[in-house]
Amino acid sequence: MQIQGLGQLHQVQRINAPHISRIYEPTTPAASSPLDTTDELHLSPAAEMAGRMSEIPDIRWERVDAIKAAIAEGSYVTDAKLDVAMERLLDEIA
């Protein structure tokens, strides 16, 4: 950084707030009751998904354990069960 001295300074400028209106004209609010106001809420897709996650029922661990045992025995997976599972999954996604 180089400092060239006082010769490089610009003239002194006044400090004015250009965004302040110099003429003040009070406006009267339209006659309305407090009941006329409405609030809006916009949720992001992530917030909507989080809301749906709270609606999922609790895990039934006894059912999970029974299915794990059936899978370990080799008696759980059948074509009919896979078709039902796929249909339910697609219904959940859509």
N, C-alpha and C. Protein backbone atom coordinates (compact mmCIF):
# COMPACT_ATOMS: atom_id res chain seq x y z
N MET A 1 0.85 -1.17 0.00
CA MET A 1 0.00 0.00 0.00
C MET A 1 0.89 1.23 0.00
N GLN A 2 0.57 2.15 -0.88
CA GLN A 2 1.35 3.38 -0.93
C GLN A 2 0.47 4.55 -0.53
N ILE A 3 1.03 5.43 0.24
CA ILE A 3 0.33 6.65 0.63
C ILE A 3 0.99 7.79 -0.13
N GLN A 4 0.22 8.50 -0.92
CA GLN A 4 0.75 9.52 -1.81
C GLN A 4 0.80 10.89 -1.16
N GLY A 5 0.24 11.06 -0.01
CA GLY A 5 0.23 12.37 0.61
C GLY A 5 -1.12 13.04 0.50
N LEU A 6 -1.20 14.26 0.95
CA LEU A 6 -2.48 14.96 1.00
C LEU A 6 -2.98 15.38 -0.38
N GLY A 7 -2.13 15.45 -1.34
CA GLY A 7 -2.53 15.88 -2.67
C GLY A 7 -3.50 14.92 -3.33
N GLN A 8 -3.60 13.69 -2.88
CA GLN A 8 -4.47 12.71 -3.51
C GLN A 8 -5.88 12.67 -2.90
N LEU A 9 -6.12 13.48 -1.89
CA LEU A 9 -7.44 13.48 -1.27
C LEU A 9 -8.42 14.29 -2.09
N HIS A 10 -9.66 13.87 -2.05
CA HIS A 10 -10.72 14.60 -2.74
C HIS A 10 -11.20 15.72 -1.83
N GLN A 11 -12.00 16.58 -2.37
CA GLN A 11 -12.54 17.68 -1.58
C GLN A 11 -13.44 17.15 -0.47
N VAL A 12 -13.58 17.95 0.53
CA VAL A 12 -14.46 17.58 1.64
C VAL A 12 -15.89 17.57 1.12
N GLN A 13 -16.63 16.53 1.49
CA GLN A 13 -18.01 16.41 1.04
C GLN A 13 -18.93 16.44 2.26
N ARG A 14 -20.09 17.01 2.05
CA ARG A 14 -21.07 17.06 3.12
C ARG A 14 -21.65 15.67 3.35
N ILE A 15 -22.03 15.42 4.56
CA ILE A 15 -22.66 14.15 4.90
C ILE A 15 -24.16 14.36 4.89
N ASN A 16 -24.80 13.84 3.90
CA ASN A 16 -26.25 13.90 3.79
C ASN A 16 -26.76 12.47 3.63
N ALA A 17 -27.88 12.22 4.19
CA ALA A 17 -28.49 10.91 4.02
C ALA A 17 -29.43 10.99 2.82
N PRO A 18 -29.03 10.48 1.69
CA PRO A 18 -29.86 10.61 0.49
C PRO A 18 -31.16 9.83 0.58
N HIS A 19 -31.23 8.88 1.49
CA HIS A 19 -32.44 8.08 1.59
C HIS A 19 -33.50 8.70 2.50
N ILE A 20 -33.17 9.81 3.13
CA ILE A 20 -34.15 10.47 4.00
C ILE A 20 -34.91 11.50 3.17
N SER A 21 -36.21 11.40 3.24
CA SER A 21 -37.05 12.35 2.52
C SER A 21 -37.05 13.67 3.27
N ARG A 22 -36.84 14.74 2.55
CA ARG A 22 -36.79 16.04 3.18
C ARG A 22 -38.19 16.59 3.45
N ILE A 23 -39.18 16.11 2.73
CA ILE A 23 -40.55 16.55 2.92
C ILE A 23 -41.30 15.39 3.56
N TYR A 24 -41.84 15.67 4.74
CA TYR A 24 -42.56 14.62 5.46
C TYR A 24 -44.05 14.82 5.29
N GLU A 25 -44.68 13.84 4.69
CA GLU A 25 -46.12 13.89 4.52
C GLU A 25 -46.71 12.71 5.28
N PRO A 26 -47.32 12.98 6.42
CA PRO A 26 -47.90 11.86 7.18
C PRO A 26 -49.04 11.22 6.41
N THR A 27 -49.07 9.95 6.46
CA THR A 27 -50.15 9.22 5.79
C THR A 27 -51.05 8.65 6.86
N THR A 28 -52.31 8.62 6.55
CA THR A 28 -53.26 8.04 7.49
C THR A 28 -53.52 6.61 7.07
N PRO A 29 -53.41 5.70 8.01
CA PRO A 29 -53.67 4.31 7.64
C PRO A 29 -55.13 4.11 7.29
N ALA A 30 -55.37 3.21 6.39
CA ALA A 30 -56.74 2.91 6.00
C ALA A 30 -57.47 2.32 7.20
N ALA A 31 -58.72 2.63 7.28
CA ALA A 31 -59.51 2.13 8.40
C ALA A 31 -59.66 0.62 8.27
N SER A 32 -59.02 -0.09 9.18
CA SER A 32 -59.14 -1.54 9.17
C SER A 32 -59.10 -2.03 10.59
N SER A 33 -59.68 -3.15 10.79
CA SER A 33 -59.69 -3.73 12.13
C SER A 33 -58.53 -4.70 12.25
N PRO A 34 -58.11 -5.02 13.46
CA PRO A 34 -57.01 -5.98 13.64
C PRO A 34 -57.34 -7.36 13.09
N LEU A 35 -58.61 -7.65 12.88
CA LEU A 35 -59.00 -8.95 12.37
C LEU A 35 -58.76 -9.08 10.87
N ASP A 36 -58.46 -7.98 10.19
CA ASP A 36 -58.24 -8.01 8.75
C ASP A 36 -56.84 -8.51 8.38
N THR A 37 -55.94 -8.62 9.34
CA THR A 37 -54.58 -9.03 9.02
C THR A 37 -54.51 -10.53 8.88
N THR A 38 -53.62 -10.99 8.02
CA THR A 38 -53.41 -12.42 7.83
C THR A 38 -51.92 -12.71 7.92
N ASP A 39 -51.62 -13.86 8.43
CA ASP A 39 -50.24 -14.32 8.50
C ASP A 39 -50.04 -15.43 7.47
N GLU A 40 -48.83 -15.52 6.96
CA GLU A 40 -48.51 -16.57 6.01
C GLU A 40 -47.31 -17.34 6.51
N LEU A 41 -47.30 -18.62 6.23
CA LEU A 41 -46.19 -19.48 6.59
C LEU A 41 -45.80 -20.27 5.36
N HIS A 42 -44.54 -20.19 4.98
CA HIS A 42 -44.02 -20.94 3.84
C HIS A 42 -42.96 -21.89 4.36
N LEU A 43 -43.16 -23.17 4.14
CA LEU A 43 -42.22 -24.19 4.60
C LEU A 43 -41.37 -24.67 3.43
N SER A 44 -40.12 -24.90 3.71
CA SER A 44 -39.24 -25.46 2.70
C SER A 44 -39.57 -26.94 2.53
N PRO A 45 -39.17 -27.54 1.42
CA PRO A 45 -39.41 -28.98 1.26
C PRO A 45 -38.77 -29.80 2.39
N ALA A 46 -37.63 -29.38 2.89
CA ALA A 46 -36.99 -30.11 3.99
C ALA A 46 -37.83 -30.03 5.25
N ALA A 47 -38.43 -28.88 5.52
CA ALA A 47 -39.29 -28.73 6.69
C ALA A 47 -40.56 -29.56 6.55
N GLU A 48 -41.09 -29.62 5.34
CA GLU A 48 -42.28 -30.45 5.11
C GLU A 48 -41.96 -31.92 5.34
N MET A 49 -40.79 -32.35 4.89
CA MET A 49 -40.37 -33.74 5.10
C MET A 49 -40.19 -34.02 6.59
N ALA A 50 -39.61 -33.09 7.32
CA ALA A 50 -39.43 -33.27 8.76
C ALA A 50 -40.78 -33.37 9.45
N GLY A 51 -41.75 -32.63 9.01
CA GLY A 51 -43.09 -32.71 9.58
C GLY A 51 -43.74 -34.06 9.33
N ARG A 52 -43.52 -34.61 8.15
CA ARG A 52 -44.07 -35.93 7.85
C ARG A 52 -43.36 -37.03 8.63
N MET A 53 -42.09 -36.82 8.93
CA MET A 53 -41.34 -37.82 9.68
C MET A 53 -41.92 -38.01 11.08
N SER A 54 -42.46 -36.95 11.65
CA SER A 54 -43.03 -37.07 13.00
C SER A 54 -44.35 -37.85 12.99
N GLU A 55 -44.94 -38.05 11.82
CA GLU A 55 -46.19 -38.79 11.71
C GLU A 55 -45.98 -40.29 11.56
N ILE A 56 -44.74 -40.71 11.36
CA ILE A 56 -44.45 -42.13 11.20
C ILE A 56 -44.66 -42.82 12.54
N PRO A 57 -45.37 -43.95 12.55
CA PRO A 57 -45.62 -44.63 13.81
C PRO A 57 -44.33 -45.19 14.43
N ASP A 58 -44.40 -45.45 15.72
CA ASP A 58 -43.24 -46.00 16.43
C ASP A 58 -42.88 -47.38 15.89
N ILE A 59 -41.65 -47.76 16.11
CA ILE A 59 -41.15 -49.06 15.65
C ILE A 59 -41.67 -50.15 16.57
N ARG A 60 -42.19 -51.21 15.97
CA ARG A 60 -42.66 -52.37 16.75
C ARG A 60 -41.52 -53.38 16.77
N TRP A 61 -40.71 -53.31 17.81
CA TRP A 61 -39.49 -54.11 17.88
C TRP A 61 -39.77 -55.61 17.89
N GLU A 62 -40.89 -56.06 18.47
CA GLU A 62 -41.19 -57.49 18.47
C GLU A 62 -41.42 -57.99 17.05
N ARG A 63 -42.02 -57.14 16.23
CA ARG A 63 -42.25 -57.51 14.82
C ARG A 63 -40.92 -57.52 14.06
N VAL A 64 -40.07 -56.55 14.34
CA VAL A 64 -38.75 -56.49 13.71
C VAL A 64 -37.95 -57.74 14.06
N ASP A 65 -37.96 -58.14 15.32
CA ASP A 65 -37.22 -59.33 15.75
C ASP A 65 -37.76 -60.60 15.09
N ALA A 66 -39.10 -60.68 14.92
CA ALA A 66 -39.70 -61.85 14.27
C ALA A 66 -39.29 -61.92 12.80
N ILE A 67 -39.25 -60.77 12.15
CA ILE A 67 -38.86 -60.76 10.74
C ILE A 67 -37.38 -61.09 10.58
N LYS A 68 -36.55 -60.58 11.48
CA LYS A 68 -35.13 -60.92 11.43
C LYS A 68 -34.91 -62.41 11.60
N ALA A 69 -35.67 -63.03 12.49
CA ALA A 69 -35.55 -64.48 12.71
C ALA A 69 -35.99 -65.24 11.47
N ALA A 70 -37.08 -64.79 10.83
CA ALA A 70 -37.56 -65.45 9.62
C ALA A 70 -36.56 -65.31 8.48
N ILE A 71 -35.93 -64.17 8.38
CA ILE A 71 -34.91 -63.97 7.34
C ILE A 71 -33.72 -64.88 7.59
N ALA A 72 -33.32 -64.99 8.86
CA ALA A 72 -32.18 -65.86 9.19
C ALA A 72 -32.49 -67.32 8.87
N GLU A 73 -33.74 -67.73 9.04
CA GLU A 73 -34.15 -69.11 8.73
C GLU A 73 -34.31 -69.33 7.23
N GLY A 74 -34.47 -68.25 6.46
CA GLY A 74 -34.68 -68.36 5.02
C GLY A 74 -36.14 -68.53 4.65
N SER A 75 -37.05 -68.31 5.60
CA SER A 75 -38.47 -68.50 5.32
C SER A 75 -39.23 -67.20 5.10
N TYR A 76 -38.58 -66.09 5.11
CA TYR A 76 -39.29 -64.82 5.02
C TYR A 76 -39.47 -64.32 3.59
N VAL A 77 -38.44 -64.35 2.79
CA VAL A 77 -38.47 -63.73 1.46
C VAL A 77 -39.19 -64.64 0.47
N THR A 78 -40.33 -64.11 -0.03
CA THR A 78 -41.06 -64.77 -1.11
C THR A 78 -41.39 -63.72 -2.16
N ASP A 79 -41.70 -64.16 -3.35
CA ASP A 79 -42.04 -63.21 -4.42
C ASP A 79 -43.28 -62.39 -4.07
N ALA A 80 -44.26 -63.02 -3.46
CA ALA A 80 -45.49 -62.30 -3.11
C ALA A 80 -45.20 -61.21 -2.07
N LYS A 81 -44.37 -61.51 -1.10
CA LYS A 81 -44.02 -60.52 -0.08
C LYS A 81 -43.22 -59.38 -0.68
N LEU A 82 -42.33 -59.68 -1.60
CA LEU A 82 -41.55 -58.63 -2.26
C LEU A 82 -42.44 -57.71 -3.07
N ASP A 83 -43.43 -58.28 -3.76
CA ASP A 83 -44.36 -57.46 -4.54
C ASP A 83 -45.15 -56.51 -3.64
N VAL A 84 -45.65 -57.03 -2.52
CA VAL A 84 -46.40 -56.19 -1.58
C VAL A 84 -45.51 -55.10 -1.02
N ALA A 85 -44.28 -55.46 -0.66
CA ALA A 85 -43.35 -54.47 -0.10
C ALA A 85 -43.04 -53.38 -1.11
N MET A 86 -42.83 -53.74 -2.35
CA MET A 86 -42.53 -52.75 -3.39
C MET A 86 -43.72 -51.81 -3.61
N GLU A 87 -44.92 -52.36 -3.64
CA GLU A 87 -46.11 -51.53 -3.82
C GLU A 87 -46.27 -50.54 -2.66
N ARG A 88 -46.06 -51.02 -1.44
CA ARG A 88 -46.17 -50.14 -0.28
C ARG A 88 -45.10 -49.05 -0.31
N LEU A 89 -43.88 -49.41 -0.71
CA LEU A 89 -42.81 -48.43 -0.81
C LEU A 89 -43.14 -47.36 -1.84
N LEU A 90 -43.62 -47.78 -2.99
CA LEU A 90 -43.97 -46.81 -4.03
C LEU A 90 -45.13 -45.92 -3.59
N ASP A 91 -46.08 -46.47 -2.83
CA ASP A 91 -47.18 -45.64 -2.31
C ASP A 91 -46.65 -44.60 -1.32
N GLU A 92 -45.68 -44.96 -0.51
CA GLU A 92 -45.10 -44.03 0.45
C GLU A 92 -44.35 -42.90 -0.25
N ILE A 93 -43.64 -43.23 -1.30
CA ILE A 93 -42.82 -42.24 -2.01
C ILE A 93 -43.72 -41.27 -2.78
N ALA A 94 -44.75 -41.77 -3.40
CA ALA A 94 -45.62 -40.93 -4.24
C ALA A 94 -46.52 -40.04 -3.46
